[in-house]
Amino acid sequence: MATQPQGSGSKAVVMTGARAKVAIGGNFVGVFSMISYGLNYGADPIFILGSYGPKEIVYTSQEVVSIQASGWRVIDNGPHMAAQMPTLDKLLNHQDIEITVFDRLTNKTIAKFHNCRPISYNTSLNNKQAAEISVNFLGLKLGDESFDGTETPNASTLT
């Protein structure tokens, strides 16, 4: 009878939620139990005279990065603290924030969201259940362990 192979001694390579740590503005935030994000590129078909169908699809833009984080509502650590959601009197001077997801096993950056703004939050309170919070952010750029999210050096800027 064949014996089952023993563990190889190597570290696990599949990312799990238990390995993730989230930092907002450089501070680790322990209230979130879920973070999800998405990035879309704008792409348009190119039609030419003399042809019914498109001849090419070209990228025309990158949309903003959409980030959702949810977790537990902790007393004295609500959305204005944990997610750096600005209060109404601070909207005019609120600065962009950076959100980073780390792998706590390897300390690698799994996702880094640049130039983010918290845009909304919801809280729910239910009988016989921990209070929950959900925060939505928008960011300008997204990087991961293979790409820092920057555009080519000759791209236009606002300055």
N, C-alpha and C. Protein backbone atom coordinates (compact mmCIF):
# COMPACT_ATOMS: atom_id res chain seq x y z
N MET A 1 0.84 -1.17 0.00
CA MET A 1 0.00 0.00 0.00
C MET A 1 0.89 1.24 0.00
N ALA A 2 0.58 2.17 -0.88
CA ALA A 2 1.39 3.39 -1.00
C ALA A 2 1.12 4.31 0.18
N THR A 3 2.16 4.99 0.60
CA THR A 3 1.99 5.94 1.69
C THR A 3 1.70 7.32 1.11
N GLN A 4 0.94 8.09 1.85
CA GLN A 4 0.62 9.45 1.45
C GLN A 4 1.86 10.32 1.62
N PRO A 5 2.14 11.18 0.65
CA PRO A 5 3.30 12.05 0.79
C PRO A 5 3.11 13.03 1.95
N GLN A 6 4.18 13.30 2.62
CA GLN A 6 4.15 14.27 3.71
C GLN A 6 4.28 15.67 3.13
N GLY A 7 4.04 16.66 3.93
CA GLY A 7 4.15 18.05 3.48
C GLY A 7 5.53 18.34 2.93
N SER A 8 5.58 19.20 1.94
CA SER A 8 6.85 19.50 1.28
C SER A 8 7.71 20.46 2.09
N GLY A 9 7.10 21.07 3.10
CA GLY A 9 7.85 22.03 3.90
C GLY A 9 7.84 23.43 3.30
N SER A 10 7.26 23.59 2.12
CA SER A 10 7.21 24.91 1.50
C SER A 10 6.01 25.69 2.02
N LYS A 11 6.09 27.00 1.89
CA LYS A 11 4.99 27.87 2.31
C LYS A 11 3.83 27.75 1.35
N ALA A 12 2.64 27.94 1.87
CA ALA A 12 1.45 27.95 1.02
C ALA A 12 1.53 29.14 0.07
N VAL A 13 1.10 28.94 -1.17
CA VAL A 13 1.18 29.99 -2.17
C VAL A 13 -0.19 30.58 -2.52
N VAL A 14 -1.27 29.96 -2.08
CA VAL A 14 -2.60 30.47 -2.37
C VAL A 14 -2.97 31.53 -1.33
N MET A 15 -3.35 32.70 -1.82
CA MET A 15 -3.75 33.79 -0.93
C MET A 15 -5.12 33.50 -0.34
N THR A 16 -5.26 33.73 0.95
CA THR A 16 -6.54 33.57 1.63
C THR A 16 -6.82 34.83 2.44
N GLY A 17 -8.06 35.00 2.83
CA GLY A 17 -8.43 36.15 3.63
C GLY A 17 -7.71 36.21 4.97
N ALA A 18 -7.41 35.07 5.54
CA ALA A 18 -6.72 35.05 6.83
C ALA A 18 -5.29 35.57 6.73
N ARG A 19 -4.74 35.57 5.53
CA ARG A 19 -3.38 36.08 5.33
C ARG A 19 -3.36 37.58 5.07
N ALA A 20 -4.50 38.19 4.75
CA ALA A 20 -4.55 39.58 4.33
C ALA A 20 -4.57 40.55 5.51
N LYS A 21 -3.81 41.61 5.35
CA LYS A 21 -3.85 42.75 6.27
C LYS A 21 -4.09 43.99 5.43
N VAL A 22 -4.93 44.90 5.92
CA VAL A 22 -5.28 46.10 5.17
C VAL A 22 -4.75 47.32 5.91
N ALA A 23 -4.10 48.20 5.17
CA ALA A 23 -3.63 49.48 5.72
C ALA A 23 -4.30 50.61 4.95
N ILE A 24 -4.80 51.59 5.66
CA ILE A 24 -5.39 52.79 5.05
C ILE A 24 -4.59 53.97 5.55
N GLY A 25 -4.02 54.70 4.60
CA GLY A 25 -3.19 55.84 4.97
C GLY A 25 -1.99 55.44 5.80
N GLY A 26 -1.47 54.23 5.60
CA GLY A 26 -0.30 53.76 6.33
C GLY A 26 -0.60 53.12 7.67
N ASN A 27 -1.87 53.12 8.10
CA ASN A 27 -2.25 52.53 9.40
C ASN A 27 -3.03 51.25 9.16
N PHE A 28 -2.62 50.17 9.83
CA PHE A 28 -3.34 48.91 9.69
C PHE A 28 -4.72 49.04 10.32
N VAL A 29 -5.71 48.52 9.59
CA VAL A 29 -7.10 48.59 10.01
C VAL A 29 -7.59 47.17 10.21
N GLY A 30 -7.98 46.84 11.43
CA GLY A 30 -8.38 45.46 11.73
C GLY A 30 -9.87 45.22 11.75
N VAL A 31 -10.69 46.18 11.30
CA VAL A 31 -12.14 46.00 11.37
C VAL A 31 -12.73 45.32 10.16
N PHE A 32 -11.99 45.24 9.06
CA PHE A 32 -12.58 44.70 7.84
C PHE A 32 -12.46 43.19 7.78
N SER A 33 -13.54 42.54 7.34
CA SER A 33 -13.53 41.10 7.13
C SER A 33 -13.60 40.75 5.65
N MET A 34 -13.77 41.77 4.79
CA MET A 34 -13.84 41.54 3.35
C MET A 34 -13.40 42.81 2.64
N ILE A 35 -12.63 42.65 1.58
CA ILE A 35 -12.30 43.75 0.69
C ILE A 35 -12.36 43.21 -0.73
N SER A 36 -13.02 43.96 -1.59
CA SER A 36 -13.08 43.57 -3.00
C SER A 36 -12.82 44.80 -3.85
N TYR A 37 -12.30 44.57 -5.05
CA TYR A 37 -11.96 45.69 -5.89
C TYR A 37 -12.02 45.28 -7.35
N GLY A 38 -12.17 46.28 -8.21
CA GLY A 38 -12.25 46.01 -9.64
C GLY A 38 -11.69 47.17 -10.45
N LEU A 39 -11.20 46.84 -11.62
CA LEU A 39 -10.63 47.82 -12.53
C LEU A 39 -11.17 47.54 -13.92
N ASN A 40 -11.62 48.58 -14.59
CA ASN A 40 -12.14 48.44 -15.96
C ASN A 40 -11.38 49.35 -16.90
N TYR A 41 -11.12 48.85 -18.08
CA TYR A 41 -10.55 49.66 -19.15
C TYR A 41 -11.66 50.00 -20.13
N GLY A 42 -11.64 51.22 -20.63
CA GLY A 42 -12.53 51.59 -21.73
C GLY A 42 -11.92 51.10 -23.02
N ALA A 43 -12.73 50.48 -23.85
CA ALA A 43 -12.25 49.98 -25.14
C ALA A 43 -13.35 50.23 -26.17
N ASP A 44 -12.95 50.72 -27.32
CA ASP A 44 -13.92 51.03 -28.38
C ASP A 44 -13.57 50.28 -29.65
N PRO A 45 -14.62 49.81 -30.35
CA PRO A 45 -14.39 49.20 -31.66
C PRO A 45 -14.11 50.28 -32.70
N ILE A 46 -13.26 49.99 -33.64
CA ILE A 46 -12.92 50.91 -34.72
C ILE A 46 -13.61 50.42 -36.00
N PHE A 47 -14.50 51.25 -36.51
CA PHE A 47 -15.21 50.94 -37.75
C PHE A 47 -14.63 51.80 -38.86
N ILE A 48 -14.51 51.23 -40.04
CA ILE A 48 -13.99 51.97 -41.18
C ILE A 48 -15.00 51.90 -42.32
N LEU A 49 -14.92 52.86 -43.22
CA LEU A 49 -15.78 52.86 -44.39
C LEU A 49 -15.50 51.62 -45.23
N GLY A 50 -16.55 51.06 -45.78
CA GLY A 50 -16.40 49.89 -46.64
C GLY A 50 -16.40 48.57 -45.90
N SER A 51 -16.73 48.59 -44.61
CA SER A 51 -16.75 47.36 -43.82
C SER A 51 -17.90 47.41 -42.83
N TYR A 52 -18.65 46.31 -42.72
CA TYR A 52 -19.77 46.26 -41.78
C TYR A 52 -19.31 46.07 -40.33
N GLY A 53 -18.25 45.35 -40.16
CA GLY A 53 -17.81 45.02 -38.81
C GLY A 53 -16.61 45.84 -38.38
N PRO A 54 -16.34 45.83 -37.09
CA PRO A 54 -15.17 46.55 -36.59
C PRO A 54 -13.88 45.87 -37.05
N LYS A 55 -12.83 46.67 -37.18
CA LYS A 55 -11.53 46.14 -37.62
C LYS A 55 -10.52 46.03 -36.49
N GLU A 56 -10.81 46.72 -35.42
CA GLU A 56 -9.87 46.69 -34.30
C GLU A 56 -10.61 47.16 -33.06
N ILE A 57 -10.11 46.76 -31.91
CA ILE A 57 -10.59 47.28 -30.64
C ILE A 57 -9.40 47.96 -29.98
N VAL A 58 -9.58 49.22 -29.61
CA VAL A 58 -8.48 49.97 -29.01
C VAL A 58 -8.86 50.42 -27.60
N TYR A 59 -7.88 50.41 -26.72
CA TYR A 59 -8.08 50.95 -25.38
C TYR A 59 -8.15 52.47 -25.47
N THR A 60 -9.11 53.06 -24.78
CA THR A 60 -9.28 54.51 -24.80
C THR A 60 -9.16 55.14 -23.42
N SER A 61 -9.23 54.33 -22.37
CA SER A 61 -9.16 54.91 -21.02
C SER A 61 -9.04 53.82 -19.98
N GLN A 62 -8.72 54.26 -18.78
CA GLN A 62 -8.85 53.40 -17.60
C GLN A 62 -9.84 54.09 -16.70
N GLU A 63 -10.83 53.37 -16.26
CA GLU A 63 -11.81 53.93 -15.33
C GLU A 63 -11.19 53.99 -13.93
N VAL A 64 -11.86 54.64 -13.01
CA VAL A 64 -11.37 54.66 -11.64
C VAL A 64 -11.49 53.26 -11.04
N VAL A 65 -10.67 53.00 -10.06
CA VAL A 65 -10.70 51.72 -9.36
C VAL A 65 -11.81 51.78 -8.31
N SER A 66 -12.63 50.76 -8.28
CA SER A 66 -13.72 50.68 -7.32
C SER A 66 -13.32 49.70 -6.21
N ILE A 67 -13.40 50.14 -4.96
CA ILE A 67 -12.98 49.33 -3.81
C ILE A 67 -14.11 49.30 -2.80
N GLN A 68 -14.46 48.11 -2.32
CA GLN A 68 -15.45 47.96 -1.27
C GLN A 68 -14.82 47.18 -0.12
N ALA A 69 -15.01 47.70 1.07
CA ALA A 69 -14.50 47.01 2.27
C ALA A 69 -15.64 46.92 3.27
N SER A 70 -15.78 45.77 3.89
CA SER A 70 -16.82 45.63 4.91
C SER A 70 -16.27 44.84 6.08
N GLY A 71 -16.93 45.01 7.20
CA GLY A 71 -16.48 44.32 8.40
C GLY A 71 -17.33 44.67 9.59
N TRP A 72 -16.69 44.76 10.73
CA TRP A 72 -17.40 44.94 11.99
C TRP A 72 -17.30 46.38 12.45
N ARG A 73 -18.40 46.90 12.92
CA ARG A 73 -18.44 48.27 13.45
C ARG A 73 -17.92 48.24 14.88
N VAL A 74 -16.77 48.85 15.09
CA VAL A 74 -16.10 48.86 16.39
C VAL A 74 -16.30 50.24 17.02
N ILE A 75 -16.67 50.27 18.28
CA ILE A 75 -16.87 51.54 18.98
C ILE A 75 -15.56 52.33 18.95
N ASP A 76 -15.66 53.62 18.71
CA ASP A 76 -14.53 54.56 18.60
C ASP A 76 -13.63 54.27 17.40
N ASN A 77 -14.09 53.47 16.45
CA ASN A 77 -13.31 53.17 15.25
C ASN A 77 -14.24 53.04 14.06
N GLY A 78 -15.13 54.03 13.92
CA GLY A 78 -16.11 54.03 12.84
C GLY A 78 -15.51 54.46 11.52
N PRO A 79 -16.35 54.75 10.53
CA PRO A 79 -15.88 55.05 9.19
C PRO A 79 -15.02 56.31 9.10
N HIS A 80 -15.24 57.26 9.97
CA HIS A 80 -14.44 58.48 9.92
C HIS A 80 -13.04 58.26 10.49
N MET A 81 -12.88 57.23 11.30
CA MET A 81 -11.56 56.87 11.82
C MET A 81 -10.93 55.77 10.97
N ALA A 82 -11.56 54.60 10.91
CA ALA A 82 -10.97 53.43 10.25
C ALA A 82 -10.80 53.65 8.75
N ALA A 83 -11.80 54.24 8.10
CA ALA A 83 -11.75 54.39 6.64
C ALA A 83 -11.34 55.80 6.22
N GLN A 84 -11.06 56.66 7.17
CA GLN A 84 -10.67 58.05 6.91
C GLN A 84 -11.70 58.78 6.07
N MET A 85 -12.98 58.47 6.31
CA MET A 85 -14.08 59.18 5.66
C MET A 85 -14.12 60.60 6.22
N PRO A 86 -14.04 61.61 5.34
CA PRO A 86 -14.02 62.98 5.86
C PRO A 86 -15.39 63.38 6.40
N THR A 87 -15.39 64.21 7.41
CA THR A 87 -16.63 64.80 7.89
C THR A 87 -16.97 65.97 6.96
N LEU A 88 -18.18 66.43 7.02
CA LEU A 88 -18.65 67.47 6.12
C LEU A 88 -17.78 68.72 6.15
N ASP A 89 -17.32 69.11 7.33
CA ASP A 89 -16.49 70.31 7.45
C ASP A 89 -15.06 70.11 6.96
N LYS A 90 -14.69 68.89 6.61
CA LYS A 90 -13.33 68.60 6.14
C LYS A 90 -13.27 68.24 4.65
N LEU A 91 -14.40 68.27 3.95
CA LEU A 91 -14.42 67.86 2.55
C LEU A 91 -13.50 68.69 1.66
N LEU A 92 -13.48 69.99 1.89
CA LEU A 92 -12.70 70.87 1.03
C LEU A 92 -11.20 70.58 1.09
N ASN A 93 -10.71 70.19 2.26
CA ASN A 93 -9.27 69.99 2.44
C ASN A 93 -8.86 68.53 2.58
N HIS A 94 -9.78 67.61 2.32
CA HIS A 94 -9.46 66.18 2.46
C HIS A 94 -8.40 65.78 1.44
N GLN A 95 -7.40 65.05 1.89
CA GLN A 95 -6.32 64.58 1.02
C GLN A 95 -6.58 63.15 0.56
N ASP A 96 -6.06 62.80 -0.62
CA ASP A 96 -6.14 61.43 -1.10
C ASP A 96 -5.48 60.50 -0.08
N ILE A 97 -5.93 59.27 -0.05
CA ILE A 97 -5.33 58.27 0.82
C ILE A 97 -4.87 57.09 -0.03
N GLU A 98 -4.03 56.27 0.55
CA GLU A 98 -3.55 55.06 -0.11
C GLU A 98 -4.03 53.87 0.70
N ILE A 99 -4.54 52.87 0.00
CA ILE A 99 -5.00 51.64 0.64
C ILE A 99 -4.11 50.51 0.15
N THR A 100 -3.60 49.72 1.07
CA THR A 100 -2.70 48.62 0.71
C THR A 100 -3.18 47.33 1.35
N VAL A 101 -3.17 46.26 0.57
CA VAL A 101 -3.47 44.92 1.09
C VAL A 101 -2.16 44.15 1.08
N PHE A 102 -1.76 43.67 2.25
CA PHE A 102 -0.51 42.92 2.42
C PHE A 102 -0.81 41.45 2.66
N ASP A 103 0.12 40.60 2.25
CA ASP A 103 0.12 39.20 2.64
C ASP A 103 0.94 39.11 3.92
N ARG A 104 0.31 38.77 5.02
CA ARG A 104 1.04 38.78 6.29
C ARG A 104 2.04 37.63 6.42
N LEU A 105 1.96 36.62 5.54
CA LEU A 105 2.94 35.54 5.56
C LEU A 105 4.25 35.98 4.93
N THR A 106 4.17 36.63 3.76
CA THR A 106 5.37 37.02 3.03
C THR A 106 5.67 38.52 3.12
N ASN A 107 4.71 39.28 3.64
CA ASN A 107 4.78 40.75 3.73
C ASN A 107 4.82 41.41 2.35
N LYS A 108 4.41 40.69 1.31
CA LYS A 108 4.32 41.26 -0.03
C LYS A 108 3.06 42.09 -0.16
N THR A 109 3.14 43.10 -1.01
CA THR A 109 1.97 43.90 -1.33
C THR A 109 1.14 43.16 -2.36
N ILE A 110 -0.08 42.83 -2.00
CA ILE A 110 -0.99 42.11 -2.90
C ILE A 110 -1.74 43.10 -3.78
N ALA A 111 -2.13 44.23 -3.21
CA ALA A 111 -2.80 45.28 -3.97
C ALA A 111 -2.51 46.62 -3.31
N LYS A 112 -2.27 47.63 -4.13
CA LYS A 112 -2.06 48.98 -3.62
C LYS A 112 -2.91 49.92 -4.46
N PHE A 113 -3.78 50.65 -3.78
CA PHE A 113 -4.70 51.57 -4.44
C PHE A 113 -4.21 52.98 -4.17
N HIS A 114 -3.91 53.71 -5.25
CA HIS A 114 -3.34 55.05 -5.14
C HIS A 114 -4.41 56.13 -5.31
N ASN A 115 -4.22 57.26 -4.63
CA ASN A 115 -5.08 58.43 -4.78
C ASN A 115 -6.55 58.08 -4.57
N CYS A 116 -6.85 57.51 -3.41
CA CYS A 116 -8.21 57.06 -3.11
C CYS A 116 -8.98 58.10 -2.31
N ARG A 117 -10.28 58.01 -2.46
CA ARG A 117 -11.21 58.81 -1.68
C ARG A 117 -12.33 57.89 -1.19
N PRO A 118 -12.63 57.92 0.11
CA PRO A 118 -13.83 57.22 0.57
C PRO A 118 -15.04 58.00 0.09
N ILE A 119 -16.02 57.32 -0.50
CA ILE A 119 -17.16 58.04 -1.07
C ILE A 119 -18.50 57.72 -0.42
N SER A 120 -18.59 56.60 0.29
CA SER A 120 -19.86 56.28 0.97
C SER A 120 -19.62 55.19 2.01
N TYR A 121 -20.54 55.13 2.95
CA TYR A 121 -20.52 54.02 3.91
C TYR A 121 -21.93 53.71 4.37
N ASN A 122 -22.11 52.47 4.82
CA ASN A 122 -23.38 52.01 5.38
C ASN A 122 -23.07 51.24 6.64
N THR A 123 -23.95 51.36 7.60
CA THR A 123 -23.83 50.59 8.84
C THR A 123 -25.16 49.90 9.07
N SER A 124 -25.10 48.67 9.55
CA SER A 124 -26.33 47.95 9.88
C SER A 124 -26.24 47.42 11.30
N LEU A 125 -27.34 47.56 12.00
CA LEU A 125 -27.47 47.04 13.37
C LEU A 125 -28.64 46.06 13.38
N ASN A 126 -28.38 44.87 13.87
CA ASN A 126 -29.42 43.84 13.95
C ASN A 126 -29.39 43.20 15.32
N ASN A 127 -30.55 42.80 15.78
CA ASN A 127 -30.65 42.09 17.05
C ASN A 127 -29.91 40.76 16.93
N LYS A 128 -29.16 40.40 17.94
CA LYS A 128 -28.43 39.14 18.02
C LYS A 128 -27.37 38.99 16.93
N GLN A 129 -26.76 40.12 16.53
CA GLN A 129 -25.71 40.07 15.50
C GLN A 129 -24.78 41.26 15.71
N ALA A 130 -23.52 41.06 15.44
CA ALA A 130 -22.56 42.16 15.54
C ALA A 130 -22.88 43.22 14.50
N ALA A 131 -22.67 44.48 14.86
CA ALA A 131 -22.91 45.59 13.93
C ALA A 131 -21.90 45.52 12.79
N GLU A 132 -22.37 45.83 11.59
CA GLU A 132 -21.53 45.74 10.41
C GLU A 132 -21.37 47.11 9.76
N ILE A 133 -20.27 47.27 9.04
CA ILE A 133 -20.01 48.49 8.31
C ILE A 133 -19.50 48.14 6.92
N SER A 134 -19.87 48.94 5.95
CA SER A 134 -19.41 48.76 4.58
C SER A 134 -19.00 50.13 4.05
N VAL A 135 -17.80 50.22 3.48
CA VAL A 135 -17.26 51.49 2.98
C VAL A 135 -16.88 51.31 1.51
N ASN A 136 -17.24 52.30 0.70
CA ASN A 136 -16.87 52.31 -0.71
C ASN A 136 -15.85 53.41 -0.96
N PHE A 137 -14.84 53.07 -1.75
CA PHE A 137 -13.77 53.99 -2.12
C PHE A 137 -13.66 54.04 -3.64
N LEU A 138 -13.12 55.13 -4.14
CA LEU A 138 -12.68 55.23 -5.52
C LEU A 138 -11.21 55.58 -5.52
N GLY A 139 -10.45 54.98 -6.41
CA GLY A 139 -9.02 55.26 -6.51
C GLY A 139 -8.63 55.53 -7.95
N LEU A 140 -7.52 56.22 -8.14
CA LEU A 140 -7.07 56.52 -9.49
C LEU A 140 -6.27 55.39 -10.11
N LYS A 141 -5.47 54.69 -9.30
CA LYS A 141 -4.58 53.66 -9.85
C LYS A 141 -4.56 52.45 -8.93
N LEU A 142 -4.26 51.31 -9.53
CA LEU A 142 -4.17 50.04 -8.80
C LEU A 142 -2.89 49.34 -9.22
N GLY A 143 -2.12 48.91 -8.24
CA GLY A 143 -0.94 48.10 -8.50
C GLY A 143 -1.04 46.80 -7.72
N ASP A 144 -0.20 45.85 -8.07
CA ASP A 144 -0.13 44.60 -7.32
C ASP A 144 1.32 44.17 -7.22
N GLU A 145 1.58 42.90 -6.90
CA GLU A 145 2.96 42.46 -6.70
C GLU A 145 3.79 42.46 -7.98
N SER A 146 3.13 42.62 -9.15
CA SER A 146 3.88 42.61 -10.40
C SER A 146 3.90 43.96 -11.12
N PHE A 147 3.13 44.94 -10.64
CA PHE A 147 2.99 46.22 -11.35
C PHE A 147 2.62 47.29 -10.34
N ASP A 148 3.28 48.45 -10.39
CA ASP A 148 3.01 49.48 -9.39
C ASP A 148 1.86 50.42 -9.74
N GLY A 149 1.25 50.26 -10.91
CA GLY A 149 0.09 51.06 -11.27
C GLY A 149 0.40 52.38 -11.93
N THR A 150 1.67 52.68 -12.18
CA THR A 150 2.02 53.96 -12.78
C THR A 150 1.89 53.91 -14.30
N GLU A 151 1.64 55.07 -14.86
CA GLU A 151 1.54 55.20 -16.30
C GLU A 151 2.92 55.50 -16.87
N THR A 152 3.05 55.50 -18.18
CA THR A 152 4.35 55.78 -18.80
C THR A 152 4.82 57.18 -18.42
N PRO A 153 6.13 57.40 -18.35
CA PRO A 153 6.66 58.68 -17.90
C PRO A 153 6.27 59.88 -18.76
N ASN A 154 5.92 59.65 -20.02
CA ASN A 154 5.59 60.79 -20.90
C ASN A 154 4.09 61.09 -20.92
N ALA A 155 3.30 60.52 -20.01
CA ALA A 155 1.86 60.79 -19.95
C ALA A 155 1.63 62.21 -19.42
N SER A 156 0.53 62.80 -19.83
CA SER A 156 0.19 64.15 -19.39
C SER A 156 -0.18 64.18 -17.91
N THR A 157 0.01 65.35 -17.30
CA THR A 157 -0.37 65.55 -15.90
C THR A 157 -1.19 66.83 -15.79
N LEU A 158 -1.76 67.05 -14.61
CA LEU A 158 -2.56 68.27 -14.37
C LEU A 158 -1.69 69.48 -14.09
N THR A 159 -0.41 69.30 -13.90
CA THR A 159 0.44 70.44 -13.56
C THR A 159 1.15 70.99 -14.77
